[in-house]
């Protein structure tokens, strides 16, 4: 299974949403739009998650907390907007 998780998910999705049976069953009461959001690569603030207490937080961290130190990259407003939409689903 060489490749990124994002590419593997895209490949699996190309063969049909039915491959995501558990996800579809769990989110059966949500709209197709919600499921489509969840079938995309998600952001994770790796550098921000530097202590156990952060896992108890219930709100999405601010966009600047998604800064990637390894790549020296800011998190785009578009990607943060996607993260906000997914955060709203829960």
PDB file of N, CA and C in Angstrom:
ATOM      1  N   UNK A   1       0.838  -1.181   0.000  1.00  0.00           N
ATOM      2  CA  UNK A   1       0.000   0.000   0.000  1.00  0.00           C
ATOM      3  C   UNK A   1       0.880   1.241   0.000  1.00  0.00           C
ATOM      4  N   UNK A   2       1.624   1.431  -1.062  1.00  0.00           N
ATOM      5  CA  UNK A   2       2.442   2.625  -1.164  1.00  0.00           C
ATOM      6  C   UNK A   2       1.588   3.818  -1.516  1.00  0.00           C
ATOM      7  N   UNK A   3       1.949   4.942  -0.996  1.00  0.00           N
ATOM      8  CA  UNK A   3       1.210   6.169  -1.292  1.00  0.00           C
ATOM      9  C   UNK A   3       0.697   6.806  -0.029  1.00  0.00           C
ATOM     10  N   UNK A   4       0.303   8.045  -0.170  1.00  0.00           N
ATOM     11  CA  UNK A   4      -0.221   8.783   0.976  1.00  0.00           C
ATOM     12  C   UNK A   4      -1.632   8.307   1.309  1.00  0.00           C
ATOM     13  N   UNK A   5      -2.035   8.562   2.525  1.00  0.00           N
ATOM     14  CA  UNK A   5      -3.403   8.227   2.938  1.00  0.00           C
ATOM     15  C   UNK A   5      -4.409   8.966   2.064  1.00  0.00           C
ATOM     16  N   UNK A   6      -4.082  10.194   1.696  1.00  0.00           N
ATOM     17  CA  UNK A   6      -4.965  10.975   0.833  1.00  0.00           C
ATOM     18  C   UNK A   6      -5.138  10.289  -0.520  1.00  0.00           C
ATOM     19  N   UNK A   7      -4.043   9.814  -1.107  1.00  0.00           N
ATOM     20  CA  UNK A   7      -4.126   9.170  -2.415  1.00  0.00           C
ATOM     21  C   UNK A   7      -4.836   7.824  -2.318  1.00  0.00           C
ATOM     22  N   UNK A   8      -4.578   7.069  -1.270  1.00  0.00           N
ATOM     23  CA  UNK A   8      -5.250   5.780  -1.086  1.00  0.00           C
ATOM     24  C   UNK A   8      -6.760   5.969  -0.935  1.00  0.00           C
ATOM     25  N   UNK A   9      -7.163   7.002  -0.199  1.00  0.00           N
ATOM     26  CA  UNK A   9      -8.586   7.296  -0.023  1.00  0.00           C
ATOM     27  C   UNK A   9      -9.220   7.698  -1.345  1.00  0.00           C
ATOM     28  N   UNK A  10      -8.529   8.538  -2.116  1.00  0.00           N
ATOM     29  CA  UNK A  10      -9.045   8.949  -3.423  1.00  0.00           C
ATOM     30  C   UNK A  10      -9.228   7.745  -4.335  1.00  0.00           C
ATOM     31  N   UNK A  11      -8.257   6.828  -4.316  1.00  0.00           N
ATOM     32  CA  UNK A  11      -8.343   5.631  -5.153  1.00  0.00           C
ATOM     33  C   UNK A  11      -9.536   4.766  -4.742  1.00  0.00           C
ATOM     34  N   UNK A  12      -9.727   4.593  -3.446  1.00  0.00           N
ATOM     35  CA  UNK A  12     -10.844   3.793  -2.954  1.00  0.00           C
ATOM     36  C   UNK A  12     -12.177   4.472  -3.276  1.00  0.00           C
ATOM     37  N   UNK A  13     -12.226   5.769  -3.125  1.00  0.00           N
ATOM     38  CA  UNK A  13     -13.448   6.521  -3.415  1.00  0.00           C
ATOM     39  C   UNK A  13     -13.812   6.440  -4.896  1.00  0.00           C
ATOM     40  N   UNK A  14     -12.812   6.344  -5.758  1.00  0.00           N
ATOM     41  CA  UNK A  14     -13.067   6.249  -7.197  1.00  0.00           C
ATOM     42  C   UNK A  14     -13.854   4.983  -7.546  1.00  0.00           C
ATOM     43  N   UNK A  15     -13.747   3.961  -6.707  1.00  0.00           N
ATOM     44  CA  UNK A  15     -14.494   2.728  -6.958  1.00  0.00           C
ATOM     45  C   UNK A  15     -15.883   2.745  -6.325  1.00  0.00           C
ATOM     46  N   UNK A  16     -16.258   3.858  -5.708  1.00  0.00           N
ATOM     47  CA  UNK A  16     -17.611   4.012  -5.182  1.00  0.00           C
ATOM     48  C   UNK A  16     -17.666   4.279  -3.697  1.00  0.00           C
ATOM     49  N   UNK A  17     -18.649   5.085  -3.310  1.00  0.00           N
ATOM     50  CA  UNK A  17     -18.837   5.425  -1.890  1.00  0.00           C
ATOM     51  C   UNK A  17     -19.215   4.218  -1.057  1.00  0.00           C
ATOM     52  N   UNK A  18     -19.720   3.169  -1.692  1.00  0.00           N
ATOM     53  CA  UNK A  18     -20.136   1.977  -0.949  1.00  0.00           C
ATOM     54  C   UNK A  18     -18.959   1.317  -0.230  1.00  0.00           C
ATOM     55  N   UNK A  19     -17.746   1.634  -0.625  1.00  0.00           N
ATOM     56  CA  UNK A  19     -16.546   1.081   0.026  1.00  0.00           C
ATOM     57  C   UNK A  19     -16.372   1.645   1.441  1.00  0.00           C
ATOM     58  N   UNK A  20     -17.081   2.716   1.741  1.00  0.00           N
ATOM     59  CA  UNK A  20     -16.994   3.364   3.048  1.00  0.00           C
ATOM     60  C   UNK A  20     -18.251   3.053   3.861  1.00  0.00           C
ATOM     61  N   UNK A  21     -18.574   1.780   3.935  1.00  0.00           N
ATOM     62  CA  UNK A  21     -19.821   1.314   4.539  1.00  0.00           C
ATOM     63  C   UNK A  21     -20.009   1.807   5.969  1.00  0.00           C
ATOM     64  N   UNK A  22     -18.991   1.690   6.799  1.00  0.00           N
ATOM     65  CA  UNK A  22     -19.129   2.095   8.208  1.00  0.00           C
ATOM     66  C   UNK A  22     -19.350   3.599   8.332  1.00  0.00           C
ATOM     67  N   UNK A  23     -18.615   4.375   7.565  1.00  0.00           N
ATOM     68  CA  UNK A  23     -18.788   5.825   7.595  1.00  0.00           C
ATOM     69  C   UNK A  23     -20.194   6.209   7.157  1.00  0.00           C
ATOM     70  N   UNK A  24     -20.657   5.611   6.074  1.00  0.00           N
ATOM     71  CA  UNK A  24     -21.993   5.919   5.566  1.00  0.00           C
ATOM     72  C   UNK A  24     -23.078   5.510   6.558  1.00  0.00           C
ATOM     73  N   UNK A  25     -22.891   4.391   7.221  1.00  0.00           N
ATOM     74  CA  UNK A  25     -23.872   3.930   8.197  1.00  0.00           C
ATOM     75  C   UNK A  25     -23.904   4.863   9.410  1.00  0.00           C
ATOM     76  N   UNK A  26     -22.742   5.251   9.908  1.00  0.00           N
ATOM     77  CA  UNK A  26     -22.660   6.100  11.089  1.00  0.00           C
ATOM     78  C   UNK A  26     -23.261   7.480  10.827  1.00  0.00           C
ATOM     79  N   UNK A  27     -23.038   8.009   9.622  1.00  0.00           N
ATOM     80  CA  UNK A  27     -23.521   9.344   9.293  1.00  0.00           C
ATOM     81  C   UNK A  27     -24.766   9.295   8.426  1.00  0.00           C
ATOM     82  N   UNK A  28     -25.559   8.254   8.554  1.00  0.00           N
ATOM     83  CA  UNK A  28     -26.763   8.080   7.737  1.00  0.00           C
ATOM     84  C   UNK A  28     -27.764   9.213   7.928  1.00  0.00           C
ATOM     85  N   UNK A  29     -27.760   9.828   9.088  1.00  0.00           N
ATOM     86  CA  UNK A  29     -28.731  10.893   9.354  1.00  0.00           C
ATOM     87  C   UNK A  29     -28.243  12.256   8.865  1.00  0.00           C
ATOM     88  N   UNK A  30     -27.007  12.322   8.391  1.00  0.00           N
ATOM     89  CA  UNK A  30     -26.456  13.574   7.884  1.00  0.00           C
ATOM     90  C   UNK A  30     -26.644  13.641   6.369  1.00  0.00           C
ATOM     91  N   UNK A  31     -26.507  14.803   5.827  1.00  0.00           N
ATOM     92  CA  UNK A  31     -26.668  14.983   4.387  1.00  0.00           C
ATOM     93  C   UNK A  31     -25.479  14.398   3.631  1.00  0.00           C
ATOM     94  N   UNK A  32     -25.663  14.191   2.329  1.00  0.00           N
ATOM     95  CA  UNK A  32     -24.569  13.726   1.485  1.00  0.00           C
ATOM     96  C   UNK A  32     -23.405  14.704   1.524  1.00  0.00           C
ATOM     97  N   UNK A  33     -23.706  15.988   1.665  1.00  0.00           N
ATOM     98  CA  UNK A  33     -22.655  16.994   1.741  1.00  0.00           C
ATOM     99  C   UNK A  33     -21.744  16.713   2.930  1.00  0.00           C
ATOM    100  N   UNK A  34     -22.310  16.354   4.074  1.00  0.00           N
ATOM    101  CA  UNK A  34     -21.522  16.048   5.258  1.00  0.00           C
ATOM    102  C   UNK A  34     -20.598  14.868   5.011  1.00  0.00           C
ATOM    103  N   UNK A  35     -21.107  13.824   4.392  1.00  0.00           N
ATOM    104  CA  UNK A  35     -20.297  12.641   4.109  1.00  0.00           C
ATOM    105  C   UNK A  35     -19.193  13.006   3.124  1.00  0.00           C
ATOM    106  N   UNK A  36     -19.513  13.802   2.114  1.00  0.00           N
ATOM    107  CA  UNK A  36     -18.490  14.219   1.150  1.00  0.00           C
ATOM    108  C   UNK A  36     -17.361  14.988   1.836  1.00  0.00           C
ATOM    109  N   UNK A  37     -17.696  15.811   2.813  1.00  0.00           N
ATOM    110  CA  UNK A  37     -16.661  16.534   3.554  1.00  0.00           C
ATOM    111  C   UNK A  37     -15.748  15.574   4.297  1.00  0.00           C
ATOM    112  N   UNK A  38     -16.324  14.515   4.833  1.00  0.00           N
ATOM    113  CA  UNK A  38     -15.548  13.550   5.607  1.00  0.00           C
ATOM    114  C   UNK A  38     -14.712  12.616   4.731  1.00  0.00           C
ATOM    115  N   UNK A  39     -15.007  12.575   3.459  1.00  0.00           N
ATOM    116  CA  UNK A  39     -14.246  11.721   2.545  1.00  0.00           C
ATOM    117  C   UNK A  39     -13.067  12.464   1.920  1.00  0.00           C
ATOM    118  N   UNK A  40     -12.742  13.614   2.445  1.00  0.00           N
ATOM    119  CA  UNK A  40     -11.588  14.385   1.986  1.00  0.00           C
ATOM    120  C   UNK A  40     -10.500  14.340   3.043  1.00  0.00           C
ATOM    121  N   UNK A  41      -9.296  14.675   2.635  1.00  0.00           N
ATOM    122  CA  UNK A  41      -8.183  14.729   3.577  1.00  0.00           C
ATOM    123  C   UNK A  41      -8.485  15.772   4.643  1.00  0.00           C
ATOM    124  N   UNK A  42      -8.222  15.425   5.855  1.00  0.00           N
ATOM    125  CA  UNK A  42      -8.474  16.332   6.966  1.00  0.00           C
ATOM    126  C   UNK A  42      -7.166  16.934   7.473  1.00  0.00           C
ATOM    127  N   UNK A  43      -7.274  18.091   8.032  1.00  0.00           N
ATOM    128  CA  UNK A  43      -6.123  18.770   8.611  1.00  0.00           C
ATOM    129  C   UNK A  43      -5.923  18.294  10.041  1.00  0.00           C
ATOM    130  N   UNK A  44      -4.692  18.316  10.477  1.00  0.00           N
ATOM    131  CA  UNK A  44      -4.397  17.975  11.867  1.00  0.00           C
ATOM    132  C   UNK A  44      -3.269  18.882  12.348  1.00  0.00           C
ATOM    133  N   UNK A  45      -3.451  19.557  13.475  1.00  0.00           N
ATOM    134  CA  UNK A  45      -2.424  20.478  13.980  1.00  0.00           C
ATOM    135  C   UNK A  45      -1.341  19.725  14.773  1.00  0.00           C
ATOM    136  N   UNK A  46      -0.493  18.987  14.073  1.00  0.00           N
ATOM    137  CA  UNK A  46       0.504  18.131  14.720  1.00  0.00           C
ATOM    138  C   UNK A  46       1.366  18.885  15.725  1.00  0.00           C
ATOM    139  N   UNK A  47       1.898  20.036  15.337  1.00  0.00           N
ATOM    140  CA  UNK A  47       2.778  20.784  16.236  1.00  0.00           C
ATOM    141  C   UNK A  47       2.036  21.328  17.452  1.00  0.00           C
ATOM    142  N   UNK A  48       0.766  21.624  17.291  1.00  0.00           N
ATOM    143  CA  UNK A  48      -0.050  22.151  18.385  1.00  0.00           C
ATOM    144  C   UNK A  48      -0.361  21.078  19.424  1.00  0.00           C
ATOM    145  N   UNK A  49      -0.493  19.847  18.987  1.00  0.00           N
ATOM    146  CA  UNK A  49      -0.879  18.755  19.885  1.00  0.00           C
ATOM    147  C   UNK A  49       0.356  18.237  20.631  1.00  0.00           C
ATOM    148  N   UNK A  50       0.891  19.070  21.521  1.00  0.00           N
ATOM    149  CA  UNK A  50       2.151  18.756  22.180  1.00  0.00           C
ATOM    150  C   UNK A  50       2.013  18.367  23.655  1.00  0.00           C
ATOM    151  N   UNK A  51       0.760  18.179  24.110  1.00  0.00           N
ATOM    152  CA  UNK A  51       0.539  17.718  25.484  1.00  0.00           C
ATOM    153  C   UNK A  51      -0.837  17.045  25.564  1.00  0.00           C
ATOM    154  N   UNK A  52      -1.011  16.204  26.570  1.00  0.00           N
ATOM    155  CA  UNK A  52      -2.255  15.433  26.693  1.00  0.00           C
ATOM    156  C   UNK A  52      -3.474  16.313  26.902  1.00  0.00           C
ATOM    157  N   UNK A  53      -3.322  17.447  27.543  1.00  0.00           N
ATOM    158  CA  UNK A  53      -4.446  18.331  27.811  1.00  0.00           C
ATOM    159  C   UNK A  53      -5.099  18.859  26.525  1.00  0.00           C
ATOM    160  N   UNK A  54      -4.324  18.965  25.475  1.00  0.00           N
ATOM    161  CA  UNK A  54      -4.865  19.459  24.204  1.00  0.00           C
ATOM    162  C   UNK A  54      -5.930  18.509  23.642  1.00  0.00           C
ATOM    163  N   UNK A  55      -5.820  17.232  23.974  1.00  0.00           N
ATOM    164  CA  UNK A  55      -6.802  16.267  23.488  1.00  0.00           C
ATOM    165  C   UNK A  55      -8.155  16.423  24.173  1.00  0.00           C
ATOM    166  N   UNK A  56      -8.199  17.158  25.266  1.00  0.00           N
ATOM    167  CA  UNK A  56      -9.462  17.417  25.972  1.00  0.00           C
ATOM    168  C   UNK A  56     -10.199  18.633  25.408  1.00  0.00           C
ATOM    169  N   UNK A  57      -9.555  19.401  24.561  1.00  0.00           N
ATOM    170  CA  UNK A  57     -10.179  20.595  23.992  1.00  0.00           C
ATOM    171  C   UNK A  57     -11.321  20.187  23.068  1.00  0.00           C
ATOM    172  N   UNK A  58     -12.388  20.954  23.104  1.00  0.00           N
ATOM    173  CA  UNK A  58     -13.578  20.609  22.317  1.00  0.00           C
ATOM    174  C   UNK A  58     -13.821  21.561  21.151  1.00  0.00           C
ATOM    175  N   UNK A  59     -12.970  22.550  20.979  1.00  0.00           N
ATOM    176  CA  UNK A  59     -13.121  23.502  19.886  1.00  0.00           C
ATOM    177  C   UNK A  59     -11.936  23.392  18.928  1.00  0.00           C
ATOM    178  N   UNK A  60     -12.185  23.746  17.696  1.00  0.00           N
ATOM    179  CA  UNK A  60     -11.132  23.762  16.692  1.00  0.00           C
ATOM    180  C   UNK A  60     -10.127  24.853  17.053  1.00  0.00           C
ATOM    181  N   UNK A  61      -8.828  24.522  17.065  1.00  0.00           N
ATOM    182  CA  UNK A  61      -7.832  25.558  17.369  1.00  0.00           C
ATOM    183  C   UNK A  61      -7.825  26.643  16.285  1.00  0.00           C
ATOM    184  N   UNK A  62      -7.324  27.817  16.596  1.00  0.00           N
ATOM    185  CA  UNK A  62      -7.219  28.870  15.586  1.00  0.00           C
ATOM    186  C   UNK A  62      -6.321  28.438  14.420  1.00  0.00           C
ATOM    187  N   UNK A  63      -6.489  29.083  13.287  1.00  0.00           N
ATOM    188  CA  UNK A  63      -5.761  28.698  12.075  1.00  0.00           C
ATOM    189  C   UNK A  63      -4.250  28.725  12.279  1.00  0.00           C
ATOM    190  N   UNK A  64      -3.725  29.684  13.027  1.00  0.00           N
ATOM    191  CA  UNK A  64      -2.275  29.775  13.201  1.00  0.00           C
ATOM    192  C   UNK A  64      -1.694  28.579  13.949  1.00  0.00           C
ATOM    193  N   UNK A  65      -2.531  27.828  14.670  1.00  0.00           N
ATOM    194  CA  UNK A  65      -2.070  26.641  15.400  1.00  0.00           C
ATOM    195  C   UNK A  65      -1.844  25.451  14.469  1.00  0.00           C
ATOM    196  N   UNK A  66      -2.273  25.576  13.206  1.00  0.00           N
ATOM    197  CA  UNK A  66      -2.061  24.515  12.222  1.00  0.00           C
ATOM    198  C   UNK A  66      -0.758  24.726  11.439  1.00  0.00           C
ATOM    199  N   UNK A  67       0.037  25.712  11.834  1.00  0.00           N
ATOM    200  CA  UNK A  67       1.295  25.978  11.146  1.00  0.00           C
ATOM    201  C   UNK A  67       2.161  24.726  11.174  1.00  0.00           C
ATOM    202  N   UNK A  68       2.725  24.365  10.028  1.00  0.00           N
ATOM    203  CA  UNK A  68       3.541  23.158   9.907  1.00  0.00           C
ATOM    204  C   UNK A  68       5.019  23.549  10.011  1.00  0.00           C
ATOM    205  N   UNK A  69       5.625  23.283  11.160  1.00  0.00           N
ATOM    206  CA  UNK A  69       7.029  23.638  11.379  1.00  0.00           C
ATOM    207  C   UNK A  69       7.961  22.815  10.492  1.00  0.00           C
ATOM    208  N   UNK A  70       7.617  21.573  10.260  1.00  0.00           N
ATOM    209  CA  UNK A  70       8.457  20.700   9.446  1.00  0.00           C
ATOM    210  C   UNK A  70       8.606  21.241   8.026  1.00  0.00           C
ATOM    211  N   UNK A  71       7.506  21.712   7.465  1.00  0.00           N
ATOM    212  CA  UNK A  71       7.524  22.242   6.098  1.00  0.00           C
ATOM    213  C   UNK A  71       7.601  23.766   6.058  1.00  0.00           C
ATOM    214  N   UNK A  72       7.562  24.395   7.228  1.00  0.00           N
ATOM    215  CA  UNK A  72       7.567  25.847   7.329  1.00  0.00           C
ATOM    216  C   UNK A  72       6.440  26.439   6.478  1.00  0.00           C
ATOM    217  N   UNK A  73       5.215  25.895   6.688  1.00  0.00           N
ATOM    218  CA  UNK A  73       4.054  26.297   5.897  1.00  0.00           C
ATOM    219  C   UNK A  73       2.912  26.759   6.784  1.00  0.00           C
ATOM    220  N   UNK A  74       2.272  27.831   6.348  1.00  0.00           N
ATOM    221  CA  UNK A  74       1.038  28.258   6.997  1.00  0.00           C
ATOM    222  C   UNK A  74      -0.102  27.387   6.487  1.00  0.00           C
ATOM    223  N   UNK A  75      -1.151  27.328   7.258  1.00  0.00           N
ATOM    224  CA  UNK A  75      -2.351  26.588   6.890  1.00  0.00           C
ATOM    225  C   UNK A  75      -3.250  27.534   6.108  1.00  0.00           C
ATOM    226  N   UNK A  76      -3.667  27.140   4.924  1.00  0.00           N
ATOM    227  CA  UNK A  76      -4.439  28.043   4.072  1.00  0.00           C
ATOM    228  C   UNK A  76      -5.819  28.327   4.667  1.00  0.00           C
ATOM    229  N   UNK A  77      -6.354  29.472   4.290  1.00  0.00           N
ATOM    230  CA  UNK A  77      -7.704  29.834   4.728  1.00  0.00           C
ATOM    231  C   UNK A  77      -8.730  28.853   4.171  1.00  0.00           C
ATOM    232  N   UNK A  78      -8.487  28.382   2.956  1.00  0.00           N
ATOM    233  CA  UNK A  78      -9.395  27.407   2.335  1.00  0.00           C
ATOM    234  C   UNK A  78      -9.416  26.097   3.139  1.00  0.00           C
ATOM    235  N   UNK A  79      -8.233  25.606   3.506  1.00  0.00           N
ATOM    236  CA  UNK A  79      -8.175  24.368   4.291  1.00  0.00           C
ATOM    237  C   UNK A  79      -8.777  24.563   5.679  1.00  0.00           C
ATOM    238  N   UNK A  80      -8.566  25.743   6.273  1.00  0.00           N
ATOM    239  CA  UNK A  80      -9.158  26.010   7.582  1.00  0.00           C
ATOM    240  C   UNK A  80     -10.677  26.075   7.481  1.00  0.00           C
ATOM    241  N   UNK A  81     -11.179  26.656   6.400  1.00  0.00           N
ATOM    242  CA  UNK A  81     -12.624  26.691   6.175  1.00  0.00           C
ATOM    243  C   UNK A  81     -13.202  25.285   6.081  1.00  0.00           C
ATOM    244  N   UNK A  82     -12.477  24.394   5.413  1.00  0.00           N
ATOM    245  CA  UNK A  82     -12.903  22.993   5.332  1.00  0.00           C
ATOM    246  C   UNK A  82     -12.922  22.376   6.723  1.00  0.00           C
ATOM    247  N   UNK A  83     -11.878  22.623   7.503  1.00  0.00           N
ATOM    248  CA  UNK A  83     -11.806  22.087   8.873  1.00  0.00           C
ATOM    249  C   UNK A  83     -12.977  22.599   9.716  1.00  0.00           C
ATOM    250  N   UNK A  84     -13.367  23.854   9.532  1.00  0.00           N
ATOM    251  CA  UNK A  84     -14.498  24.412  10.269  1.00  0.00           C
ATOM    252  C   UNK A  84     -15.799  23.718   9.881  1.00  0.00           C
ATOM    253  N   UNK A  85     -15.974  23.426   8.601  1.00  0.00           N
ATOM    254  CA  UNK A  85     -17.173  22.725   8.151  1.00  0.00           C
ATOM    255  C   UNK A  85     -17.241  21.336   8.760  1.00  0.00           C
ATOM    256  N   UNK A  86     -16.115  20.637   8.778  1.00  0.00           N
ATOM    257  CA  UNK A  86     -16.088  19.274   9.341  1.00  0.00           C
ATOM    258  C   UNK A  86     -16.308  19.335  10.841  1.00  0.00           C
ATOM    259  N   UNK A  87     -15.736  20.311  11.511  1.00  0.00           N
ATOM    260  CA  UNK A  87     -15.908  20.477  12.959  1.00  0.00           C
ATOM    261  C   UNK A  87     -17.377  20.705  13.295  1.00  0.00           C
ATOM    262  N   UNK A  88     -18.105  21.381  12.417  1.00  0.00           N
ATOM    263  CA  UNK A  88     -19.532  21.662  12.635  1.00  0.00           C
ATOM    264  C   UNK A  88     -20.360  20.378  12.604  1.00  0.00           C
ATOM    265  N   UNK A  89     -19.947  19.364  11.833  1.00  0.00           N
ATOM    266  CA  UNK A  89     -20.703  18.126  11.681  1.00  0.00           C
ATOM    267  C   UNK A  89     -20.820  17.375  12.989  1.00  0.00           C
ATOM    268  N   UNK A  90     -19.768  17.372  13.776  1.00  0.00           N
ATOM    269  CA  UNK A  90     -19.781  16.563  14.996  1.00  0.00           C
ATOM    270  C   UNK A  90     -20.909  16.973  15.877  1.00  0.00           C
TER     271      UNK A  90
END
